[in-house]
Amino acid sequence: MRHVQGRAWRAWAALAAVVMGTGLLAGCSPDGPGPLGMGGALGGRPAPEDVIRVTPEDGGKAVRPGDRLRVRVPGGRLEKVTVVKTQDAQDFPVRGHVSEDGLSWRPDDDRLALAAEYTVDVVALDARGRRSARHTTFTTYVPDQRFIAYVTPENRAVVGTGMIVSLSFSQEIADRAAVERAVHVTARPPVEIRPHWFGKGRLDFRPEHYWKPGTEVTVDLDLRDVEGARGIYGLQDKTFSFTVGRSQVSLVDAAKHTMDVRRDGQLLATVPITAGAPKHPSYNGKMVVMDMLEVTRMNSRTVGFGGEYDIPDVPHAMKLTDSGTFLHGNYWNPDAPGRENVSHGCVGLTDVKGGSSDTPAGWFFDRSLVGDVIEVVNSKDKTVAPDNGLGGWNMTWKDWRAGSALK
């Protein structure tokens, strides 16, 4: 310890001798009074915070996302600016650029992340060529409420050509334009894709016509820290993707009790069906397969009917609407398909108890994908609503585009 102190003292004495020889002691410095000039700072240099100005201020807490990160110098130039964002226990470099005059720096993305700590390290030269450095930190606001989007279809899925990208939000969205700007749906090969809002909780995307087979679709959610409603911020920064498989569109004729199954435009088969009975007709219009279940229970009470049926083992069930329309195997009315409509709105195909691939229902199920289109015609009911399942294909392209929040 004595050795270190002695060495420091000798260095100080040598420096004092040099300074005395050059006439820079107190009272002789052109930088003003005080020991060694500038009131005690060696060489007359101003404090780093006077040379390098950083906002938000050092040690700032709960900085709001509307505030801006800036680094400035009144003269000279910025030599190096390094900014690191720490979020979710990970460090991310913050990219930015220095202005042409060298006096300021700003990040490429002006939006501050929430629930994050920022570390700013700056090196600058003042107007006299003297180098200064500054280190600052600040933390940003931690929101009490967040929202997320549930995405259809699933990541890496292979889907039919009628798939619609659908986002259901966990909270009502008030600033729909801000959220819409943060969601990007792209395709390869490229095709025009447009959004449509259904109320404040759902945002769907589709092209004008069904996807072409082989199309690769990417959904980028840049929702993290987007304020969807007052005080409610997005949480996700994720990418989803899916691939469009072959084209399969099936036409159900409720009056003829048949279904034409077309693959890539060619007729594969005409299958006998039973549709909704006169008191409970099937919806008309284009519906998209949303889910496929080898077997499921169907209870009339869950879809607004009385205790008219409760079938615990419906085979080969394919969901078409949120309101409960399915295309499924039917083993309890074996004579109905191809002859009469007896269902409560569903489309039934001949099947056996437990299901079998050798039946029309099993054959169709084995050749179907989520995202395939089932279109019903000549039924006595109305056209299915665009927001009932993935029914957006029943809207004209003009009406669909009008549903964007970005006019």
Protein backbone atom coordinates (compact mmCIF):
# COMPACT_ATOMS: atom_id res chain seq x y z
CA MET A 1 0.00 0.00 0.00
CA ARG A 2 2.86 2.40 0.82
CA HIS A 3 4.46 1.59 -2.52
CA VAL A 4 1.26 2.52 -4.42
CA GLN A 5 0.80 5.75 -2.49
CA GLY A 6 4.42 6.68 -3.00
CA ARG A 7 4.19 6.05 -6.72
CA ALA A 8 1.03 8.17 -6.99
CA TRP A 9 2.68 11.00 -5.06
CA ARG A 10 5.76 10.99 -7.28
CA ALA A 11 3.55 11.11 -10.39
CA TRP A 12 1.58 14.02 -8.97
CA ALA A 13 4.76 15.91 -8.04
CA ALA A 14 6.16 15.42 -11.53
CA LEU A 15 2.92 16.67 -13.10
CA ALA A 16 2.87 19.67 -10.75
CA ALA A 17 6.41 20.53 -11.78
CA VAL A 18 5.46 20.45 -15.44
CA VAL A 19 2.39 22.54 -14.83
CA MET A 20 4.40 25.07 -12.75
CA GLY A 21 6.97 25.33 -15.49
CA THR A 22 4.36 26.17 -18.06
CA GLY A 23 2.71 28.80 -15.88
CA LEU A 24 -0.61 26.93 -15.49
CA LEU A 25 -0.86 27.08 -11.69
CA ALA A 26 -3.68 28.91 -9.95
CA GLY A 27 -3.85 32.52 -11.02
CA CYS A 28 -1.89 31.87 -14.23
CA SER A 29 -4.38 29.69 -16.19
CA PRO A 30 -6.39 31.32 -18.95
CA ASP A 31 -9.21 28.91 -18.06
CA GLY A 32 -9.96 30.72 -14.82
CA PRO A 33 -9.20 30.47 -11.10
CA GLY A 34 -8.78 27.42 -8.95
CA PRO A 35 -6.08 24.79 -8.62
CA LEU A 36 -4.85 23.77 -12.06
CA GLY A 37 -7.52 25.98 -13.66
CA MET A 38 -11.33 25.52 -14.24
CA GLY A 39 -11.97 25.57 -10.50
CA GLY A 40 -10.16 22.30 -9.77
CA ALA A 41 -10.56 20.19 -12.98
CA LEU A 42 -7.31 19.34 -14.68
CA GLY A 43 -6.61 21.21 -17.91
CA GLY A 44 -9.67 23.44 -17.77
CA ARG A 45 -12.06 20.80 -19.18
CA PRO A 46 -15.79 21.17 -18.50
CA ALA A 47 -17.70 18.35 -16.79
CA PRO A 48 -18.76 15.48 -19.11
CA GLU A 49 -22.46 16.23 -18.62
CA ASP A 50 -21.84 19.74 -19.97
CA VAL A 51 -20.03 18.44 -23.04
CA ILE A 52 -22.26 15.38 -23.72
CA ARG A 53 -25.97 15.79 -23.18
CA VAL A 54 -28.09 12.63 -23.01
CA THR A 55 -31.86 12.42 -22.74
CA PRO A 56 -33.65 10.80 -20.97
CA GLU A 57 -31.60 11.92 -18.00
CA ASP A 58 -29.14 9.67 -16.20
CA GLY A 59 -30.88 7.53 -13.58
CA GLY A 60 -34.33 8.21 -15.02
CA LYS A 61 -37.12 5.89 -13.89
CA ALA A 62 -40.39 4.85 -15.56
CA VAL A 63 -39.53 6.72 -18.75
CA ARG A 64 -42.56 6.71 -21.04
CA PRO A 65 -42.44 5.28 -24.59
CA GLY A 66 -43.30 8.70 -26.02
CA ASP A 67 -40.03 10.15 -24.74
CA ARG A 68 -37.11 10.24 -27.16
CA LEU A 69 -33.56 8.99 -26.75
CA ARG A 70 -31.09 11.63 -27.94
CA VAL A 71 -27.38 12.35 -27.59
CA ARG A 72 -26.04 15.85 -28.34
CA VAL A 73 -22.90 17.95 -28.05
CA PRO A 74 -22.93 21.79 -28.24
CA GLY A 75 -19.72 21.83 -30.27
CA GLY A 76 -17.03 19.56 -31.61
CA ARG A 77 -18.33 16.15 -32.67
CA LEU A 78 -19.53 12.80 -31.41
CA GLU A 79 -16.85 10.17 -31.84
CA LYS A 80 -18.64 7.03 -30.63
CA VAL A 81 -22.13 6.23 -29.30
CA THR A 82 -22.97 2.78 -27.93
CA VAL A 83 -26.47 2.04 -26.63
CA VAL A 84 -27.59 -1.30 -25.20
CA LYS A 85 -31.16 -2.24 -24.31
CA THR A 86 -31.61 -4.89 -21.61
CA GLN A 87 -35.02 -6.56 -21.75
CA ASP A 88 -36.16 -9.93 -20.46
CA ALA A 89 -32.62 -10.54 -19.14
CA GLN A 90 -31.14 -10.18 -22.64
CA ASP A 91 -28.96 -7.45 -24.10
CA PHE A 92 -29.79 -5.97 -27.50
CA PRO A 93 -27.71 -3.34 -29.33
CA VAL A 94 -29.67 -0.23 -30.26
CA ARG A 95 -28.75 0.90 -33.75
CA GLY A 96 -28.66 4.57 -34.57
CA HIS A 97 -26.85 7.22 -36.59
CA VAL A 98 -24.90 10.43 -36.04
CA SER A 99 -26.08 13.55 -37.85
CA GLU A 100 -24.04 14.93 -40.73
CA ASP A 101 -22.70 17.78 -38.58
CA GLY A 102 -21.58 15.31 -35.91
CA LEU A 103 -23.46 17.11 -33.16
CA SER A 104 -26.29 14.64 -32.46
CA TRP A 105 -27.21 10.95 -32.44
CA ARG A 106 -30.62 9.32 -32.58
CA PRO A 107 -31.79 5.68 -32.75
CA ASP A 108 -33.13 4.26 -35.99
CA ASP A 109 -36.29 3.22 -34.12
CA ASP A 110 -37.58 6.16 -32.12
CA ARG A 111 -39.87 4.02 -29.98
CA LEU A 112 -38.48 3.18 -26.55
CA ALA A 113 -39.09 -0.35 -25.33
CA LEU A 114 -41.10 -0.79 -22.15
CA ALA A 115 -39.86 -2.64 -19.06
CA ALA A 116 -36.27 -2.19 -20.22
CA GLU A 117 -33.00 -0.68 -19.03
CA TYR A 118 -30.96 1.43 -21.44
CA THR A 119 -27.21 1.92 -21.09
CA VAL A 120 -25.62 4.77 -23.03
CA ASP A 121 -21.86 5.17 -23.51
CA VAL A 122 -20.58 8.18 -25.44
CA VAL A 123 -17.16 9.48 -26.48
CA ALA A 124 -16.97 12.99 -27.94
CA LEU A 125 -14.46 15.68 -28.88
CA ASP A 126 -15.16 19.26 -27.90
CA ALA A 127 -14.45 22.28 -30.08
CA ARG A 128 -10.82 22.35 -28.85
CA GLY A 129 -10.26 18.68 -29.71
CA ARG A 130 -10.38 17.43 -26.13
CA ARG A 131 -11.94 14.02 -25.62
CA SER A 132 -14.70 13.40 -23.06
CA ALA A 133 -16.67 10.29 -22.16
CA ARG A 134 -20.03 9.78 -20.49
CA HIS A 135 -21.93 6.76 -19.19
CA THR A 136 -25.66 6.99 -18.37
CA THR A 137 -28.52 4.62 -17.68
CA PHE A 138 -32.28 4.88 -17.43
CA THR A 139 -35.22 2.49 -17.13
CA THR A 140 -38.56 2.62 -18.90
CA TYR A 141 -42.15 2.32 -17.77
CA VAL A 142 -43.47 -1.13 -16.80
CA PRO A 143 -47.14 -1.36 -17.89
CA ASP A 144 -49.75 -2.94 -15.67
CA GLN A 145 -51.68 -4.45 -18.59
CA ARG A 146 -50.59 -6.23 -21.76
CA PHE A 147 -52.38 -7.76 -24.74
CA ILE A 148 -51.46 -10.60 -27.06
CA ALA A 149 -52.75 -11.90 -30.38
CA TYR A 150 -53.81 -15.51 -30.92
CA VAL A 151 -52.88 -16.39 -34.50
CA THR A 152 -54.65 -18.72 -36.94
CA PRO A 153 -53.28 -20.86 -38.58
CA GLU A 154 -50.62 -22.51 -36.44
CA ASN A 155 -46.97 -21.82 -37.06
CA ARG A 156 -45.43 -24.03 -39.80
CA ALA A 157 -48.79 -25.47 -40.78
CA VAL A 158 -49.60 -26.74 -44.27
CA VAL A 159 -53.06 -25.43 -45.13
CA GLY A 160 -55.65 -25.30 -47.86
CA THR A 161 -55.94 -22.45 -50.32
CA GLY A 162 -58.87 -20.87 -48.46
CA MET A 163 -57.00 -20.16 -45.23
CA ILE A 164 -57.54 -16.68 -43.80
CA VAL A 165 -54.98 -15.27 -41.36
CA SER A 166 -56.97 -14.38 -38.26
CA LEU A 167 -55.74 -12.56 -35.14
CA SER A 168 -57.90 -12.63 -32.01
CA PHE A 169 -56.76 -10.21 -29.31
CA SER A 170 -56.85 -10.83 -25.58
CA GLN A 171 -58.01 -7.24 -24.95
CA GLU A 172 -60.26 -4.90 -26.90
CA ILE A 173 -58.25 -2.70 -29.24
CA ALA A 174 -59.08 1.02 -29.25
CA ASP A 175 -56.23 2.21 -31.46
CA ARG A 176 -56.79 -0.20 -34.31
CA ALA A 177 -54.60 1.79 -36.69
CA ALA A 178 -51.56 1.47 -34.41
CA VAL A 179 -52.05 -2.27 -34.07
CA GLU A 180 -52.68 -2.75 -37.79
CA ARG A 181 -49.44 -0.91 -38.60
CA ALA A 182 -47.57 -3.35 -36.36
CA VAL A 183 -48.79 -6.50 -38.17
CA HIS A 184 -47.26 -7.46 -41.51
CA VAL A 185 -48.48 -10.38 -43.65
CA THR A 186 -46.39 -11.15 -46.72
CA ALA A 187 -46.35 -13.93 -49.28
CA ARG A 188 -43.89 -15.59 -51.62
CA PRO A 189 -44.61 -15.40 -54.50
CA PRO A 190 -45.93 -11.88 -53.74
CA VAL A 191 -49.64 -11.15 -53.74
CA GLU A 192 -51.68 -8.22 -52.44
CA ILE A 193 -52.92 -8.99 -48.92
CA ARG A 194 -55.33 -6.72 -47.11
CA PRO A 195 -56.62 -6.53 -43.49
CA HIS A 196 -60.18 -6.34 -42.23
CA TRP A 197 -61.32 -5.60 -38.67
CA PHE A 198 -64.26 -7.38 -37.11
CA GLY A 199 -65.09 -5.25 -34.08
CA LYS A 200 -62.36 -4.35 -31.60
CA GLY A 201 -61.02 -7.82 -30.98
CA ARG A 202 -60.28 -9.47 -34.32
CA LEU A 203 -58.15 -8.64 -37.35
CA ASP A 204 -58.16 -10.90 -40.45
CA PHE A 205 -55.96 -10.88 -43.57
CA ARG A 206 -56.60 -12.39 -47.02
CA PRO A 207 -55.76 -11.88 -50.69
CA GLU A 208 -58.43 -11.06 -53.26
CA HIS A 209 -58.67 -14.69 -54.42
CA TYR A 210 -57.75 -17.99 -52.84
CA TRP A 211 -54.03 -18.52 -52.31
CA LYS A 212 -52.07 -20.24 -55.04
CA PRO A 213 -50.77 -23.70 -54.06
CA GLY A 214 -47.19 -23.57 -52.84
CA THR A 215 -47.41 -20.01 -51.51
CA GLU A 216 -45.34 -19.35 -48.39
CA VAL A 217 -46.96 -16.84 -46.03
CA THR A 218 -45.22 -14.99 -43.19
CA VAL A 219 -46.96 -13.16 -40.34
CA ASP A 220 -44.77 -10.67 -38.46
CA LEU A 221 -46.15 -9.41 -35.16
CA ASP A 222 -44.29 -6.27 -34.10
CA LEU A 223 -46.79 -5.67 -31.30
CA ARG A 224 -44.39 -5.33 -28.39
CA ASP A 225 -45.02 -2.02 -26.61
CA VAL A 226 -47.70 -0.89 -29.09
CA GLU A 227 -50.44 0.87 -27.14
CA GLY A 228 -53.60 -0.89 -28.29
CA ALA A 229 -55.82 0.86 -25.75
CA ARG A 230 -55.17 3.39 -23.02
CA GLY A 231 -52.51 1.91 -20.74
CA ILE A 232 -52.63 -1.51 -22.47
CA TYR A 233 -49.54 -2.45 -24.47
CA GLY A 234 -48.69 -5.33 -26.76
CA LEU A 235 -46.35 -8.08 -25.62
CA GLN A 236 -45.39 -10.04 -28.76
CA ASP A 237 -42.49 -9.66 -31.13
CA LYS A 238 -42.86 -12.91 -33.05
CA THR A 239 -42.96 -14.35 -36.55
CA PHE A 240 -45.32 -17.08 -37.76
CA SER A 241 -45.30 -18.80 -41.12
CA PHE A 242 -47.31 -21.37 -43.04
CA THR A 243 -47.36 -23.02 -46.45
CA VAL A 244 -50.33 -23.35 -48.77
CA GLY A 245 -50.77 -26.91 -50.02
CA ARG A 246 -52.84 -28.19 -52.93
CA SER A 247 -56.17 -26.62 -53.82
CA GLN A 248 -59.32 -28.42 -52.71
CA VAL A 249 -62.74 -26.77 -52.96
CA SER A 250 -65.91 -28.77 -52.31
CA LEU A 251 -69.37 -27.67 -53.41
CA VAL A 252 -72.32 -28.87 -51.28
CA ASP A 253 -75.68 -28.71 -53.05
CA ALA A 254 -78.29 -28.92 -50.30
CA ALA A 255 -81.10 -29.43 -52.80
CA LYS A 256 -79.39 -32.30 -54.63
CA HIS A 257 -77.94 -33.83 -51.45
CA THR A 258 -74.47 -34.08 -53.06
CA MET A 259 -70.99 -32.71 -52.60
CA ASP A 260 -68.57 -32.29 -55.53
CA VAL A 261 -64.96 -32.54 -54.38
CA ARG A 262 -62.50 -30.79 -56.69
CA ARG A 263 -58.73 -31.06 -56.37
CA ASP A 264 -56.71 -28.46 -58.32
CA GLY A 265 -59.83 -27.82 -60.41
CA GLN A 266 -60.44 -31.46 -61.31
CA LEU A 267 -63.44 -33.42 -60.00
CA LEU A 268 -62.28 -36.12 -57.61
CA ALA A 269 -65.68 -37.47 -56.57
CA THR A 270 -69.31 -36.66 -55.98
CA VAL A 271 -70.25 -37.68 -52.43
CA PRO A 272 -73.81 -38.10 -51.04
CA ILE A 273 -74.59 -35.76 -48.12
CA THR A 274 -77.35 -34.73 -45.78
CA ALA A 275 -77.67 -31.03 -44.94
CA GLY A 276 -79.80 -29.04 -42.52
CA ALA A 277 -83.45 -30.05 -42.16
CA PRO A 278 -86.15 -27.53 -43.16
CA LYS A 279 -86.44 -26.29 -39.56
CA HIS A 280 -82.66 -26.00 -39.20
CA PRO A 281 -81.21 -25.36 -42.66
CA SER A 282 -77.47 -25.12 -43.31
CA TYR A 283 -75.83 -21.78 -43.99
CA ASN A 284 -75.17 -20.92 -47.61
CA GLY A 285 -71.82 -19.55 -48.67
CA LYS A 286 -68.12 -20.26 -48.43
CA MET A 287 -66.82 -21.79 -45.21
CA VAL A 288 -63.25 -22.77 -44.36
CA VAL A 289 -62.19 -25.86 -42.43
CA MET A 290 -60.99 -24.50 -39.07
CA ASP A 291 -60.23 -27.71 -37.20
CA MET A 292 -60.24 -31.46 -37.82
CA LEU A 293 -61.21 -33.98 -35.13
CA GLU A 294 -61.09 -37.74 -35.53
CA VAL A 295 -63.94 -37.97 -33.02
CA THR A 296 -65.82 -35.42 -30.91
CA ARG A 297 -68.92 -35.03 -28.78
CA MET A 298 -71.81 -32.96 -30.13
CA ASN A 299 -74.43 -31.68 -27.68
CA SER A 300 -77.33 -29.56 -28.94
CA ARG A 301 -77.35 -27.46 -25.78
CA THR A 302 -73.90 -26.04 -26.56
CA VAL A 303 -75.16 -24.44 -29.81
CA GLY A 304 -78.41 -22.93 -28.61
CA PHE A 305 -80.82 -25.83 -29.13
CA GLY A 306 -82.67 -27.75 -26.46
CA GLY A 307 -81.86 -31.31 -25.50
CA GLU A 308 -82.46 -32.60 -29.04
CA TYR A 309 -79.26 -34.58 -29.37
CA ASP A 310 -76.12 -35.55 -27.49
CA ILE A 311 -73.81 -37.75 -29.53
CA PRO A 312 -70.58 -38.61 -27.69
CA ASP A 313 -68.61 -40.06 -30.61
CA VAL A 314 -69.20 -38.13 -33.84
CA PRO A 315 -66.51 -39.35 -36.27
CA HIS A 316 -64.47 -37.37 -38.81
CA ALA A 317 -65.64 -33.94 -37.63
CA MET A 318 -64.45 -30.82 -39.47
CA LYS A 319 -65.33 -27.46 -37.91
CA LEU A 320 -66.68 -24.83 -40.33
CA THR A 321 -68.07 -22.01 -38.15
CA ASP A 322 -67.76 -20.63 -34.64
CA SER A 323 -71.52 -21.08 -34.20
CA GLY A 324 -71.21 -24.86 -34.44
CA THR A 325 -71.48 -25.87 -38.10
CA PHE A 326 -69.49 -29.02 -38.89
CA LEU A 327 -69.02 -31.37 -41.78
CA HIS A 328 -68.88 -34.79 -40.15
CA GLY A 329 -69.52 -38.49 -40.39
CA ASN A 330 -73.08 -39.66 -39.72
CA TYR A 331 -73.71 -43.25 -38.58
CA TRP A 332 -77.08 -42.73 -36.82
CA ASN A 333 -79.03 -41.84 -40.01
CA PRO A 334 -77.39 -44.15 -42.57
CA ASP A 335 -80.13 -43.71 -45.18
CA ALA A 336 -80.23 -39.88 -45.14
CA PRO A 337 -77.10 -38.91 -47.17
CA GLY A 338 -78.03 -38.56 -50.83
CA ARG A 339 -81.78 -38.60 -50.06
CA GLU A 340 -82.93 -36.04 -47.49
CA ASN A 341 -81.74 -33.26 -45.21
CA VAL A 342 -82.10 -34.21 -41.55
CA SER A 343 -79.36 -32.40 -39.63
CA HIS A 344 -79.45 -29.32 -37.40
CA GLY A 345 -77.39 -27.30 -39.91
CA CYS A 346 -74.33 -29.50 -40.30
CA VAL A 347 -73.31 -31.40 -43.42
CA GLY A 348 -73.29 -35.15 -42.83
CA LEU A 349 -71.52 -37.90 -44.80
CA THR A 350 -72.08 -41.63 -44.52
CA ASP A 351 -69.92 -43.22 -41.82
CA VAL A 352 -69.90 -46.05 -39.26
CA LYS A 353 -69.68 -45.92 -35.49
CA GLY A 354 -66.04 -45.46 -34.56
CA GLY A 355 -65.23 -44.14 -38.03
CA SER A 356 -63.61 -45.85 -40.99
CA SER A 357 -61.41 -44.72 -43.88
CA ASP A 358 -63.53 -46.89 -46.18
CA THR A 359 -66.62 -44.70 -45.76
CA PRO A 360 -67.33 -41.46 -47.69
CA ALA A 361 -66.72 -39.46 -44.48
CA GLY A 362 -63.42 -41.21 -43.80
CA TRP A 363 -62.32 -40.89 -47.43
CA PHE A 364 -63.00 -37.14 -47.41
CA PHE A 365 -61.43 -36.57 -44.00
CA ASP A 366 -58.19 -38.30 -45.07
CA ARG A 367 -57.93 -36.02 -48.11
CA SER A 368 -58.67 -32.72 -46.38
CA LEU A 369 -56.61 -29.94 -44.79
CA VAL A 370 -57.38 -27.13 -42.41
CA GLY A 371 -57.94 -24.21 -44.77
CA ASP A 372 -59.91 -26.15 -47.40
CA VAL A 373 -63.07 -24.48 -48.67
CA ILE A 374 -66.56 -25.96 -48.30
CA GLU A 375 -69.20 -23.96 -50.19
CA VAL A 376 -72.91 -24.62 -49.62
CA VAL A 377 -75.53 -23.63 -52.20
CA ASN A 378 -79.30 -24.06 -52.57
CA SER A 379 -80.01 -24.14 -48.85
CA LYS A 380 -82.98 -22.29 -47.36
CA ASP A 381 -80.86 -20.31 -44.88
CA LYS A 382 -78.94 -17.03 -45.23
CA THR A 383 -75.29 -16.71 -46.23
CA VAL A 384 -72.88 -17.34 -43.37
CA ALA A 385 -71.61 -14.14 -41.71
CA PRO A 386 -68.02 -13.14 -42.65
CA ASP A 387 -66.91 -13.25 -38.99
CA ASN A 388 -68.57 -16.61 -38.25
CA GLY A 389 -65.51 -18.79 -38.52
CA LEU A 390 -63.30 -17.84 -41.47
CA GLY A 391 -66.18 -16.64 -43.62
CA GLY A 392 -64.41 -13.62 -45.07
CA TRP A 393 -64.52 -15.04 -48.60
CA ASN A 394 -68.22 -14.14 -48.67
CA MET A 395 -67.34 -10.43 -48.81
CA THR A 396 -66.50 -8.56 -52.01
CA TRP A 397 -62.91 -7.39 -52.31
CA LYS A 398 -64.12 -3.77 -52.13
CA ASP A 399 -65.99 -4.38 -48.88
CA TRP A 400 -63.09 -6.36 -47.45
CA ARG A 401 -60.59 -3.57 -48.12
CA ALA A 402 -62.96 -1.04 -46.55
CA GLY A 403 -62.47 -2.82 -43.21
CA SER A 404 -58.94 -1.51 -42.73
CA ALA A 405 -58.30 1.08 -40.02
CA LEU A 406 -55.70 2.75 -42.26
CA LYS A 407 -57.72 4.68 -44.81
